[in-house]
Each structure stands twice: as C-alpha cells, then as structure tokens.
C-alpha cells in the first residue's frame, strides 16, 4: 500500500480531473456552463481546493521592414541598398505576451477522493463580462486544478474559442 501512495504523490495512479463542456465555440453574450469531473486514483487523497479558471493567453507581434540606404565602407563608391528582413524574434519587446486569469471559481474545499469514486462539480461563467481586446492574438483556456498537499496536483486544461 505504501508504494501506491508514493506513486500517487508523484502523479502515477493519483486523482484525475477532466473538464466537461458541451461545445468548443462560444460568443460573448453566452454563459459557459460545464462540469469538472474528479476521479479517484488507486489510493484515497485529500484535496484542499478544487478550482476552475478562465485563462487568457495573449500576444502581439511587432515587425519592422524596409530599405536602408547606406554608404559602402571604405572608399566612397556611392550608396548601396541593404534590406532589413522582418523577423519577430529580432524585434520582440518586453510585455509582448502574457497570461491573465480572467475568472477564478473555487468549486470545493477540504474533500477526500477515494479509489473508484467520481465526483462532479458544476460551474457557470458569464462571458458577457469578458473584454476582448482588438489587435491582440488571444487564446482562451479553461484550467481546472485539484490542490493535493505534498503531491503532484491534478490539472486539466481545455482550449475554447470566443467569437468577438
């Protein structure tokens, strides 16, 4: 039994988590409703907090392109042209990408999940309160986490699409 407990602490045979939603695409005037399914592993485990978050990953791109007229080094033979190539990696700036937790919902506290047991937790997120920014690349994800003390946390991530 001790080996099973050690494996569960490392995430092998421990509690599993899954996000259940009816569809992948939502508009900003909808309410996202779904469930988090928490399944027991091989041994009983304590969960201090079970939560779900709506995460916005964003980035913007900065490109520069053009022609530079320069003089050839050495003898003055006249101007020549050098082309600058647009590569994002050359022009990345601080703050051009990030991750924001837009909504955080605590679904349960201080519970125990036993082997073979499945628990469902319902959640609702009102998407009308979400502000989508123009000109920025955005990815939206649901992230659910079961905080298990002294063990690897059970985490599930599911990408969704928000129509602007």
Protein backbone atom coordinates (compact mmCIF):
# COMPACT_ATOMS: atom_id res chain seq x y z
CA UNK A 1 0.00 0.00 0.00
CA UNK A 2 2.87 2.39 0.70
CA UNK A 3 4.22 2.08 -2.85
CA UNK A 4 0.80 3.04 -4.24
CA UNK A 5 0.75 6.13 -2.01
CA UNK A 6 4.24 7.16 -3.15
CA UNK A 7 3.25 6.69 -6.80
CA UNK A 8 0.09 8.75 -6.26
CA UNK A 9 2.19 11.57 -4.79
CA UNK A 10 4.24 11.56 -8.00
CA UNK A 11 1.05 11.65 -10.06
CA UNK A 12 1.03 7.98 -11.07
CA UNK A 13 -2.27 6.41 -10.10
CA UNK A 14 -3.41 9.59 -8.35
CA UNK A 15 -6.61 11.56 -8.75
CA UNK A 16 -7.55 12.64 -12.27
CA UNK A 17 -9.50 15.67 -13.37
CA UNK A 18 -11.47 16.39 -16.56
CA UNK A 19 -13.35 19.45 -17.84
CA UNK A 20 -16.69 18.64 -19.47
CA UNK A 21 -18.27 21.33 -21.66
CA UNK A 22 -20.96 20.94 -24.34
CA UNK A 23 -19.11 22.77 -27.14
CA UNK A 24 -15.81 24.43 -28.07
CA UNK A 25 -17.01 27.78 -29.50
CA UNK A 26 -18.83 30.47 -27.54
CA UNK A 27 -19.94 34.03 -28.19
CA UNK A 28 -19.51 36.84 -25.68
CA UNK A 29 -23.25 37.04 -24.96
CA UNK A 30 -23.42 33.42 -23.70
CA UNK A 31 -22.95 31.74 -20.36
CA UNK A 32 -20.43 28.91 -20.38
CA UNK A 33 -21.77 26.01 -18.33
CA UNK A 34 -19.92 22.81 -17.63
CA UNK A 35 -18.70 20.31 -15.09
CA UNK A 36 -15.40 19.30 -13.60
CA UNK A 37 -15.13 15.54 -13.14
CA UNK A 38 -12.81 14.46 -10.33
CA UNK A 39 -11.95 10.75 -10.41
CA UNK A 40 -10.25 8.85 -7.61
CA UNK A 41 -6.97 7.08 -8.22
CA UNK A 42 -5.52 3.99 -6.57
CA UNK A 43 -5.44 5.44 -3.04
CA UNK A 44 -7.55 7.96 -1.08
CA UNK A 45 -6.29 11.53 -1.46
CA UNK A 46 -7.09 14.79 0.30
CA UNK A 47 -7.98 17.74 -1.93
CA UNK A 48 -7.60 21.12 -0.21
CA UNK A 49 -9.08 23.21 -3.06
CA UNK A 50 -10.73 22.28 -6.34
CA UNK A 51 -10.97 25.22 -8.72
CA UNK A 52 -11.53 26.24 -12.31
CA UNK A 53 -10.17 29.33 -14.07
CA UNK A 54 -10.69 31.05 -17.39
CA UNK A 55 -7.24 31.97 -18.69
CA UNK A 56 -6.46 34.45 -21.47
CA UNK A 57 -3.11 33.95 -23.18
CA UNK A 58 -2.28 36.94 -25.35
CA UNK A 59 0.44 38.16 -27.64
CA UNK A 60 1.03 40.89 -30.14
CA UNK A 61 3.56 40.94 -32.91
CA UNK A 62 5.93 43.74 -33.81
CA UNK A 63 7.50 43.67 -37.23
CA UNK A 64 9.79 46.15 -38.96
CA UNK A 65 10.62 46.08 -42.65
CA UNK A 66 12.08 48.47 -45.14
CA UNK A 67 15.06 49.53 -47.13
CA UNK A 68 18.08 51.28 -45.67
CA UNK A 69 20.30 53.39 -47.84
CA UNK A 70 23.83 53.31 -46.61
CA UNK A 71 27.29 54.13 -47.92
CA UNK A 72 29.65 51.33 -48.66
CA UNK A 73 32.50 51.24 -46.15
CA UNK A 74 35.95 52.22 -47.33
CA UNK A 75 36.28 54.22 -50.48
CA UNK A 76 33.23 56.22 -51.37
CA UNK A 77 31.77 54.34 -54.29
CA UNK A 78 28.24 55.60 -53.73
CA UNK A 79 25.19 54.44 -51.88
CA UNK A 80 24.08 50.81 -51.85
CA UNK A 81 20.95 49.20 -50.51
CA UNK A 82 20.62 46.74 -47.65
CA UNK A 83 17.32 45.05 -46.95
CA UNK A 84 16.13 44.54 -43.41
CA UNK A 85 14.13 41.35 -43.06
CA UNK A 86 11.05 41.18 -40.83
CA UNK A 87 11.59 38.59 -38.16
CA UNK A 88 9.56 38.64 -34.98
CA UNK A 89 12.41 37.24 -32.90
CA UNK A 90 14.60 40.22 -33.80
CA UNK A 91 12.02 42.76 -32.67
CA UNK A 92 10.42 41.17 -29.62
CA UNK A 93 9.84 43.60 -26.81
CA UNK A 94 9.15 43.15 -23.12
CA UNK A 95 5.47 42.78 -22.48
CA UNK A 96 4.51 41.45 -25.90
CA UNK A 97 2.93 38.29 -24.50
CA UNK A 98 1.37 37.14 -21.28
CA UNK A 99 -1.23 35.17 -19.42
CA UNK A 100 -4.14 36.53 -17.37
CA UNK A 101 -6.51 34.70 -15.07
CA UNK A 102 -9.80 36.37 -16.03
CA UNK A 103 -12.18 34.30 -13.87
CA UNK A 104 -11.40 32.05 -10.89
CA UNK A 105 -14.05 29.86 -9.27
CA UNK A 106 -13.47 27.75 -6.19
CA UNK A 107 -15.62 24.64 -6.62
CA UNK A 108 -14.89 22.76 -3.37
CA UNK A 109 -12.67 22.80 -0.30
CA UNK A 110 -11.30 20.13 2.01
CA UNK A 111 -12.61 16.95 0.44
CA UNK A 112 -11.33 13.41 0.06
CA UNK A 113 -11.49 11.43 -3.15
CA UNK A 114 -11.44 7.66 -2.71
CA UNK A 115 -10.40 4.99 -5.23
CA UNK A 116 -13.01 4.36 -7.93
CA UNK A 117 -15.11 7.35 -6.83
CA UNK A 118 -16.20 10.03 -9.33
CA UNK A 119 -17.39 13.46 -8.20
CA UNK A 120 -18.90 16.11 -10.50
CA UNK A 121 -18.80 19.84 -9.79
CA UNK A 122 -20.96 22.23 -11.83
CA UNK A 123 -19.71 25.69 -12.87
CA UNK A 124 -21.04 28.73 -14.78
CA UNK A 125 -19.05 31.57 -16.33
CA UNK A 126 -20.88 34.66 -17.62
CA UNK A 127 -18.94 35.54 -20.78
CA UNK A 128 -20.68 38.91 -21.21
CA UNK A 129 -18.33 40.37 -18.58
CA UNK A 130 -15.24 39.40 -20.61
CA UNK A 131 -13.50 42.18 -22.54
CA UNK A 132 -11.80 41.10 -25.76
CA UNK A 133 -9.06 43.41 -27.00
CA UNK A 134 -8.63 44.21 -30.67
CA UNK A 135 -5.27 43.85 -32.38
CA UNK A 136 -4.05 41.21 -29.95
CA UNK A 137 -3.80 37.46 -30.58
CA UNK A 138 -5.76 35.73 -27.84
CA UNK A 139 -6.17 32.10 -26.80
CA UNK A 140 -8.75 31.21 -24.18
CA UNK A 141 -8.37 28.19 -21.91
CA UNK A 142 -10.22 26.62 -19.04
CA UNK A 143 -7.86 25.30 -16.37
CA UNK A 144 -9.05 23.15 -13.51
CA UNK A 145 -6.81 22.25 -10.60
CA UNK A 146 -7.15 19.94 -7.61
CA UNK A 147 -4.65 21.06 -4.96
CA UNK A 148 -3.29 17.89 -3.33
CA UNK A 149 -0.92 18.55 -0.39
CA UNK A 150 2.56 17.03 -0.69
CA UNK A 151 1.70 15.52 -4.10
CA UNK A 152 1.54 16.44 -7.75
CA UNK A 153 -1.65 18.43 -8.33
CA UNK A 154 -4.24 17.08 -10.75
CA UNK A 155 -4.64 19.60 -13.59
CA UNK A 156 -6.81 19.70 -16.71
CA UNK A 157 -6.64 22.32 -19.47
CA UNK A 158 -9.17 22.77 -22.26
CA UNK A 159 -8.97 25.39 -25.00
CA UNK A 160 -12.14 27.21 -26.06
CA UNK A 161 -12.86 29.75 -28.79
CA UNK A 162 -14.56 33.08 -28.07
CA UNK A 163 -16.21 34.82 -31.01
CA UNK A 164 -15.74 38.57 -30.84
